[in-house]
């Protein structure tokens, strides 16, 4: 929860509209009804692991073009590679670097500084 609050505050301060979803199943429903520009997925989410919704999103032709970025504290050797192999377009590790996060998001949205 603390990381969600932190990420939301950082991104809103940068002018991004942020829609928070509480769990993986709700994420899949929201993406079906709305078309976000980017999806941030915590790998350690309730109900499903973070790679499951990413795999489902990437297998559906409609939302598969939306960048899905994993946010995770899983930083052991091979974690990044496994996360990207599961379909994530990017990987942001915790703890969140508050100065670097907006640049990472801009890069994923092709809005470089």
Protein backbone atom coordinates (compact mmCIF):
# COMPACT_ATOMS: atom_id res chain seq x y z
CA UNK A 1 0.00 0.00 0.00
CA UNK A 2 2.81 2.42 0.81
CA UNK A 3 4.34 1.86 -2.61
CA UNK A 4 0.99 2.43 -4.34
CA UNK A 5 0.58 5.74 -2.51
CA UNK A 6 4.14 6.75 -3.35
CA UNK A 7 3.83 5.87 -7.04
CA UNK A 8 0.45 7.59 -7.31
CA UNK A 9 1.75 10.79 -5.71
CA UNK A 10 4.86 10.89 -7.87
CA UNK A 11 2.96 10.31 -11.11
CA UNK A 12 0.15 12.75 -10.27
CA UNK A 13 2.75 15.41 -9.44
CA UNK A 14 4.14 14.84 -12.94
CA UNK A 15 0.69 15.40 -14.44
CA UNK A 16 -0.30 11.80 -15.12
CA UNK A 17 -3.85 10.57 -14.57
CA UNK A 18 -3.63 7.56 -12.28
CA UNK A 19 -6.27 4.86 -11.95
CA UNK A 20 -5.63 2.40 -9.15
CA UNK A 21 -7.00 -1.10 -9.15
CA UNK A 22 -6.85 -3.25 -6.05
CA UNK A 23 -6.17 -6.68 -7.50
CA UNK A 24 -5.22 -8.59 -10.63
CA UNK A 25 -8.75 -9.67 -11.59
CA UNK A 26 -10.00 -6.08 -11.39
CA UNK A 27 -7.08 -4.98 -13.57
CA UNK A 28 -8.20 -7.34 -16.31
CA UNK A 29 -11.75 -5.96 -16.10
CA UNK A 30 -10.63 -2.31 -16.15
CA UNK A 31 -8.43 -2.83 -19.20
CA UNK A 32 -11.40 -4.39 -20.98
CA UNK A 33 -13.56 -1.31 -20.25
CA UNK A 34 -10.93 1.44 -20.48
CA UNK A 35 -7.79 1.87 -22.50
CA UNK A 36 -4.95 3.06 -20.23
CA UNK A 37 -1.72 4.29 -21.77
CA UNK A 38 0.37 2.15 -19.46
CA UNK A 39 -0.18 -0.52 -16.83
CA UNK A 40 1.99 -0.87 -13.74
CA UNK A 41 1.71 -4.31 -12.16
CA UNK A 42 3.17 -5.28 -8.82
CA UNK A 43 4.51 -8.81 -9.09
CA UNK A 44 3.32 -9.62 -5.57
CA UNK A 45 -0.41 -8.86 -5.85
CA UNK A 46 -3.35 -10.50 -4.06
CA UNK A 47 -5.12 -13.47 -5.69
CA UNK A 48 -2.77 -13.93 -8.66
CA UNK A 49 0.94 -13.44 -9.05
CA UNK A 50 1.91 -10.40 -11.09
CA UNK A 51 2.96 -12.36 -14.14
CA UNK A 52 -0.50 -13.95 -14.54
CA UNK A 53 -2.37 -10.74 -15.42
CA UNK A 54 0.53 -9.68 -17.63
CA UNK A 55 0.37 -12.96 -19.54
CA UNK A 56 -3.40 -12.64 -19.91
CA UNK A 57 -3.17 -9.03 -21.07
CA UNK A 58 -0.50 -9.86 -23.62
CA UNK A 59 -2.45 -12.83 -24.99
CA UNK A 60 -5.52 -10.69 -25.78
CA UNK A 61 -5.05 -8.80 -29.07
CA UNK A 62 -6.90 -5.65 -27.90
CA UNK A 63 -4.90 -4.67 -24.79
CA UNK A 64 -1.69 -6.43 -25.85
CA UNK A 65 -0.28 -3.19 -27.25
CA UNK A 66 -0.54 -1.41 -23.87
CA UNK A 67 2.87 -1.36 -22.17
CA UNK A 68 2.85 -3.45 -18.98
CA UNK A 69 5.57 -2.56 -16.51
CA UNK A 70 6.37 -4.78 -13.54
CA UNK A 71 7.16 -3.15 -10.21
CA UNK A 72 8.81 -5.58 -7.87
CA UNK A 73 11.08 -6.20 -4.94
CA UNK A 74 12.11 -9.46 -6.63
CA UNK A 75 15.63 -8.50 -7.62
CA UNK A 76 17.49 -11.78 -7.41
CA UNK A 77 19.49 -13.04 -10.37
CA UNK A 78 17.09 -14.05 -13.13
CA UNK A 79 14.00 -12.25 -11.72
CA UNK A 80 14.16 -9.48 -14.32
CA UNK A 81 14.57 -11.95 -17.16
CA UNK A 82 11.68 -14.14 -15.93
CA UNK A 83 9.46 -11.08 -15.57
CA UNK A 84 10.23 -9.88 -19.10
CA UNK A 85 9.83 -13.41 -20.48
CA UNK A 86 6.33 -13.52 -18.93
CA UNK A 87 5.36 -10.56 -21.12
CA UNK A 88 6.25 -7.42 -19.19
CA UNK A 89 7.56 -4.60 -21.34
CA UNK A 90 9.63 -3.21 -18.51
CA UNK A 91 10.84 -3.77 -14.99
CA UNK A 92 11.05 -1.26 -12.13
CA UNK A 93 12.59 -2.48 -8.92
CA UNK A 94 11.74 -1.52 -5.38
CA UNK A 95 12.54 0.46 -3.43
CA UNK A 96 11.14 3.06 -5.80
CA UNK A 97 13.62 5.74 -6.81
CA UNK A 98 11.42 8.85 -6.59
CA UNK A 99 13.70 10.90 -8.83
CA UNK A 100 14.09 8.25 -11.51
CA UNK A 101 10.51 6.89 -11.65
CA UNK A 102 9.03 9.76 -13.72
CA UNK A 103 11.82 9.37 -16.32
CA UNK A 104 11.21 5.63 -16.48
CA UNK A 105 7.48 6.14 -17.03
CA UNK A 106 8.11 8.84 -19.67
CA UNK A 107 10.46 6.45 -21.48
CA UNK A 108 7.87 3.69 -21.48
CA UNK A 109 5.30 6.14 -22.85
CA UNK A 110 7.86 7.54 -25.32
CA UNK A 111 7.67 10.94 -23.64
CA UNK A 112 11.39 11.43 -23.07
CA UNK A 113 12.56 14.63 -21.37
